[in-house]
N, C-alpha and C. Protein backbone atom coordinates (compact mmCIF):
# COMPACT_ATOMS: atom_id res chain seq x y z
N MET A 1 115.69 104.48 120.22
CA MET A 1 116.41 105.12 119.14
C MET A 1 117.84 105.37 119.60
N ILE A 2 118.76 105.20 118.68
CA ILE A 2 120.16 105.51 118.97
C ILE A 2 120.68 106.50 117.93
N ARG A 3 121.72 107.19 118.31
CA ARG A 3 122.41 108.11 117.41
C ARG A 3 123.84 107.64 117.25
N VAL A 4 124.35 107.89 116.06
CA VAL A 4 125.73 107.51 115.75
C VAL A 4 126.42 108.71 115.15
N ILE A 5 127.64 108.94 115.59
CA ILE A 5 128.50 109.93 114.96
C ILE A 5 129.76 109.19 114.54
N ALA A 6 129.92 109.07 113.22
CA ALA A 6 131.10 108.42 112.66
C ALA A 6 131.99 109.52 112.10
N VAL A 7 133.20 109.62 112.64
CA VAL A 7 134.11 110.69 112.22
C VAL A 7 135.25 110.08 111.41
N ALA A 8 135.25 110.42 110.12
CA ALA A 8 136.27 109.92 109.20
C ALA A 8 137.35 110.98 109.02
N THR A 9 138.56 110.62 109.40
CA THR A 9 139.71 111.48 109.15
C THR A 9 140.38 110.95 107.89
N LEU A 10 140.53 111.84 106.91
CA LEU A 10 140.95 111.44 105.58
C LEU A 10 142.36 111.92 105.28
N LYS A 11 142.95 111.30 104.28
CA LYS A 11 144.24 111.78 103.79
C LYS A 11 144.04 113.17 103.19
N GLU A 12 145.07 113.97 103.24
CA GLU A 12 144.98 115.35 102.80
C GLU A 12 144.40 115.46 101.38
N GLY A 13 143.40 116.32 101.26
CA GLY A 13 142.79 116.60 99.96
C GLY A 13 141.81 115.56 99.46
N LYS A 14 141.44 114.58 100.27
CA LYS A 14 140.58 113.49 99.81
C LYS A 14 139.12 113.62 100.25
N ARG A 15 138.76 114.75 100.88
CA ARG A 15 137.38 114.90 101.37
C ARG A 15 136.36 114.83 100.22
N LYS A 16 136.64 115.49 99.11
CA LYS A 16 135.71 115.48 97.98
C LYS A 16 135.48 114.06 97.48
N ASN A 17 136.55 113.28 97.36
CA ASN A 17 136.44 111.90 96.90
C ASN A 17 135.61 111.06 97.87
N TYR A 18 135.85 111.26 99.16
CA TYR A 18 135.10 110.52 100.18
C TYR A 18 133.62 110.87 100.11
N LEU A 19 133.31 112.16 100.01
CA LEU A 19 131.91 112.59 99.95
C LEU A 19 131.21 112.04 98.71
N GLU A 20 131.90 111.95 97.60
CA GLU A 20 131.30 111.36 96.40
C GLU A 20 130.85 109.93 96.66
N GLU A 21 131.66 109.18 97.38
CA GLU A 21 131.31 107.79 97.70
C GLU A 21 130.15 107.73 98.70
N VAL A 22 130.13 108.66 99.66
CA VAL A 22 129.02 108.71 100.63
C VAL A 22 127.71 108.97 99.90
N TYR A 23 127.71 109.93 98.98
CA TYR A 23 126.49 110.28 98.25
C TYR A 23 125.99 109.11 97.39
N LYS A 24 126.88 108.25 96.95
CA LYS A 24 126.47 107.08 96.17
C LYS A 24 125.66 106.09 97.02
N ILE A 25 126.06 105.92 98.29
CA ILE A 25 125.38 104.91 99.12
C ILE A 25 124.20 105.47 99.90
N MET A 26 124.11 106.79 100.03
CA MET A 26 123.04 107.37 100.86
C MET A 26 121.64 106.86 100.51
N PRO A 27 121.26 106.81 99.23
CA PRO A 27 119.91 106.31 98.94
C PRO A 27 119.68 104.88 99.42
N LEU A 28 120.72 104.06 99.34
CA LEU A 28 120.60 102.67 99.81
C LEU A 28 120.49 102.60 101.33
N VAL A 29 121.24 103.44 102.02
CA VAL A 29 121.18 103.47 103.48
C VAL A 29 119.81 103.98 103.93
N HIS A 30 119.30 105.01 103.27
CA HIS A 30 118.03 105.60 103.68
C HIS A 30 116.86 104.62 103.60
N ILE A 31 116.94 103.61 102.75
CA ILE A 31 115.84 102.64 102.65
C ILE A 31 116.05 101.40 103.52
N GLU A 32 117.16 101.36 104.25
CA GLU A 32 117.38 100.24 105.16
C GLU A 32 116.35 100.27 106.29
N ASP A 33 115.92 99.08 106.73
CA ASP A 33 115.02 99.00 107.87
C ASP A 33 115.70 99.61 109.09
N GLY A 34 115.02 100.53 109.73
CA GLY A 34 115.53 101.13 110.95
C GLY A 34 116.31 102.41 110.77
N CYS A 35 116.59 102.82 109.54
CA CYS A 35 117.32 104.07 109.32
C CYS A 35 116.36 105.24 109.44
N ILE A 36 116.69 106.18 110.31
CA ILE A 36 115.90 107.40 110.47
C ILE A 36 116.62 108.58 109.81
N GLU A 37 117.93 108.60 109.95
CA GLU A 37 118.73 109.71 109.40
C GLU A 37 120.13 109.20 109.12
N TYR A 38 120.71 109.68 108.03
CA TYR A 38 122.09 109.31 107.68
C TYR A 38 122.60 110.36 106.70
N GLY A 39 123.63 111.10 107.08
CA GLY A 39 124.17 112.09 106.17
C GLY A 39 125.49 112.67 106.63
N PRO A 40 126.30 113.12 105.67
CA PRO A 40 127.61 113.68 105.98
C PRO A 40 127.51 115.14 106.41
N HIS A 41 128.42 115.54 107.29
CA HIS A 41 128.50 116.92 107.78
C HIS A 41 129.97 117.34 107.86
N ILE A 42 130.20 118.61 107.58
CA ILE A 42 131.54 119.19 107.68
C ILE A 42 131.47 120.46 108.51
N ASP A 43 132.64 120.97 108.89
CA ASP A 43 132.71 122.19 109.69
C ASP A 43 131.96 123.34 109.05
N MET A 44 131.38 124.17 109.90
CA MET A 44 130.87 125.46 109.45
C MET A 44 131.50 126.52 110.33
N ASP A 45 131.63 127.71 109.80
CA ASP A 45 132.16 128.82 110.58
C ASP A 45 131.02 129.43 111.37
N SER A 46 130.96 129.13 112.66
CA SER A 46 129.86 129.60 113.49
C SER A 46 130.16 130.91 114.19
N GLY A 47 131.43 131.22 114.35
CA GLY A 47 131.80 132.39 115.13
C GLY A 47 131.67 132.18 116.63
N ILE A 48 131.37 130.96 117.03
CA ILE A 48 131.26 130.63 118.45
C ILE A 48 132.66 130.26 118.95
N PRO A 49 133.18 131.01 119.92
CA PRO A 49 134.58 130.84 120.33
C PRO A 49 134.96 129.43 120.79
N ILE A 50 134.05 128.71 121.41
CA ILE A 50 134.42 127.39 121.94
C ILE A 50 134.26 126.27 120.92
N GLN A 51 133.85 126.62 119.70
CA GLN A 51 133.70 125.59 118.67
C GLN A 51 135.04 124.92 118.39
N LYS A 52 135.02 123.60 118.40
CA LYS A 52 136.18 122.82 117.99
C LYS A 52 135.93 122.36 116.57
N LYS A 53 136.81 122.70 115.66
CA LYS A 53 136.64 122.33 114.27
C LYS A 53 137.31 120.99 113.98
N LEU A 54 136.68 120.24 113.10
CA LEU A 54 137.22 118.95 112.69
C LEU A 54 138.37 119.11 111.70
N GLY A 55 138.29 120.12 110.85
CA GLY A 55 139.34 120.36 109.87
C GLY A 55 138.92 120.01 108.46
N PRO A 56 139.72 120.42 107.49
CA PRO A 56 139.34 120.27 106.08
C PRO A 56 139.40 118.84 105.55
N ASP A 57 140.00 117.94 106.30
CA ASP A 57 140.12 116.56 105.85
C ASP A 57 139.34 115.59 106.74
N THR A 58 138.23 116.09 107.29
CA THR A 58 137.41 115.27 108.18
C THR A 58 135.94 115.42 107.80
N VAL A 59 135.22 114.31 107.88
CA VAL A 59 133.77 114.29 107.64
C VAL A 59 133.12 113.54 108.80
N ALA A 60 132.04 114.11 109.33
CA ALA A 60 131.25 113.43 110.35
C ALA A 60 129.96 112.95 109.70
N ILE A 61 129.69 111.67 109.83
CA ILE A 61 128.42 111.11 109.37
C ILE A 61 127.51 111.07 110.60
N ILE A 62 126.40 111.79 110.52
CA ILE A 62 125.44 111.82 111.63
C ILE A 62 124.32 110.86 111.27
N GLU A 63 124.02 109.94 112.19
CA GLU A 63 123.04 108.89 111.92
C GLU A 63 122.06 108.76 113.08
N ARG A 64 120.84 108.35 112.75
CA ARG A 64 119.86 107.94 113.75
C ARG A 64 119.27 106.61 113.29
N TRP A 65 119.21 105.68 114.22
CA TRP A 65 118.70 104.34 113.94
C TRP A 65 117.64 103.97 114.97
N GLU A 66 116.68 103.18 114.56
CA GLU A 66 115.62 102.74 115.47
C GLU A 66 116.16 101.85 116.58
N SER A 67 117.23 101.10 116.28
CA SER A 67 117.75 100.16 117.28
C SER A 67 119.21 99.84 116.98
N LEU A 68 119.86 99.27 117.99
CA LEU A 68 121.23 98.80 117.82
C LEU A 68 121.27 97.66 116.79
N GLU A 69 120.25 96.83 116.79
CA GLU A 69 120.17 95.73 115.83
C GLU A 69 120.16 96.27 114.40
N ALA A 70 119.39 97.34 114.15
CA ALA A 70 119.35 97.94 112.80
C ALA A 70 120.72 98.48 112.41
N LEU A 71 121.41 99.11 113.36
CA LEU A 71 122.76 99.63 113.09
C LEU A 71 123.71 98.50 112.74
N LYS A 72 123.66 97.42 113.49
CA LYS A 72 124.55 96.29 113.24
C LYS A 72 124.28 95.66 111.86
N LYS A 73 123.01 95.56 111.48
CA LYS A 73 122.67 95.03 110.15
C LYS A 73 123.20 95.96 109.06
N HIS A 74 123.08 97.28 109.30
CA HIS A 74 123.59 98.27 108.36
C HIS A 74 125.07 98.04 108.07
N GLY A 75 125.83 97.77 109.10
CA GLY A 75 127.27 97.58 108.94
C GLY A 75 127.65 96.37 108.12
N MET A 76 126.71 95.44 107.94
CA MET A 76 127.00 94.21 107.20
C MET A 76 126.39 94.19 105.80
N THR A 77 125.76 95.26 105.38
CA THR A 77 125.11 95.28 104.07
C THR A 77 126.16 95.28 102.95
N PRO A 78 125.80 94.75 101.79
CA PRO A 78 126.74 94.76 100.66
C PRO A 78 127.19 96.17 100.28
N HIS A 79 126.27 97.14 100.31
CA HIS A 79 126.69 98.49 99.91
C HIS A 79 127.67 99.11 100.90
N MET A 80 127.58 98.77 102.18
CA MET A 80 128.57 99.29 103.13
C MET A 80 129.91 98.58 102.96
N ASN A 81 129.88 97.29 102.65
CA ASN A 81 131.14 96.59 102.37
C ASN A 81 131.81 97.17 101.14
N ASN A 82 131.03 97.46 100.09
CA ASN A 82 131.57 98.10 98.89
C ASN A 82 132.10 99.49 99.19
N PHE A 83 131.38 100.24 100.02
CA PHE A 83 131.80 101.59 100.40
C PHE A 83 133.15 101.55 101.11
N ARG A 84 133.30 100.66 102.07
CA ARG A 84 134.56 100.57 102.81
C ARG A 84 135.73 100.25 101.88
N ARG A 85 135.50 99.39 100.91
CA ARG A 85 136.56 99.10 99.92
C ARG A 85 136.86 100.34 99.08
N ALA A 86 135.82 101.07 98.69
CA ALA A 86 136.00 102.23 97.81
C ALA A 86 136.76 103.37 98.49
N VAL A 87 136.58 103.53 99.81
CA VAL A 87 137.21 104.67 100.50
C VAL A 87 138.50 104.29 101.23
N LYS A 88 138.85 103.04 101.18
CA LYS A 88 140.02 102.55 101.92
C LYS A 88 141.27 103.39 101.65
N THR A 89 141.50 103.77 100.42
CA THR A 89 142.72 104.52 100.09
C THR A 89 142.64 105.98 100.52
N PHE A 90 141.44 106.47 100.87
CA PHE A 90 141.27 107.86 101.30
C PHE A 90 141.43 108.02 102.81
N MET A 91 141.30 106.93 103.55
CA MET A 91 141.16 106.98 105.00
C MET A 91 142.48 107.05 105.76
N GLN A 92 142.46 107.84 106.84
CA GLN A 92 143.52 107.77 107.85
C GLN A 92 143.01 107.04 109.07
N SER A 93 141.79 107.44 109.53
CA SER A 93 141.20 106.77 110.69
C SER A 93 139.70 107.00 110.72
N MET A 94 139.03 106.20 111.56
CA MET A 94 137.60 106.31 111.75
C MET A 94 137.31 106.17 113.24
N GLN A 95 136.50 107.08 113.76
CA GLN A 95 136.03 106.97 115.14
C GLN A 95 134.52 106.83 115.11
N LEU A 96 133.99 105.99 115.95
CA LEU A 96 132.55 105.73 115.98
C LEU A 96 132.02 105.97 117.39
N LEU A 97 131.05 106.87 117.49
CA LEU A 97 130.33 107.09 118.74
C LEU A 97 128.92 106.54 118.57
N VAL A 98 128.51 105.62 119.43
CA VAL A 98 127.16 105.08 119.42
C VAL A 98 126.52 105.56 120.72
N LEU A 99 125.45 106.36 120.60
CA LEU A 99 124.89 107.06 121.73
C LEU A 99 123.41 106.74 121.92
N THR A 100 122.97 106.78 123.16
CA THR A 100 121.57 106.59 123.49
C THR A 100 121.12 107.78 124.35
N PRO A 101 119.84 108.14 124.28
CA PRO A 101 119.38 109.26 125.11
C PRO A 101 119.63 109.00 126.59
N ALA A 102 120.02 110.04 127.31
CA ALA A 102 120.29 109.91 128.75
C ALA A 102 119.02 110.10 129.54
């Protein structure tokens, strides 16, 4: 199993628009072979002093996949290609962490 953290930094005020597009594709991602978990996350106020906040224009997509092969197939699906086109104007940058248990 692998975990993925995709951090989307968006243009100012575009988080709502980005999340709307994420919610459209989530049902399609959830039925992909190998998808265990896929969902957007935003900052919460924890009161923990060492917490680093992403900020109001950032969304982290937390994912779990059965394999690297499943993740790679996910990236090539038609709905992900459509998603990337739909959010292109909202994006500033994207960082991808692909992690395996230590």
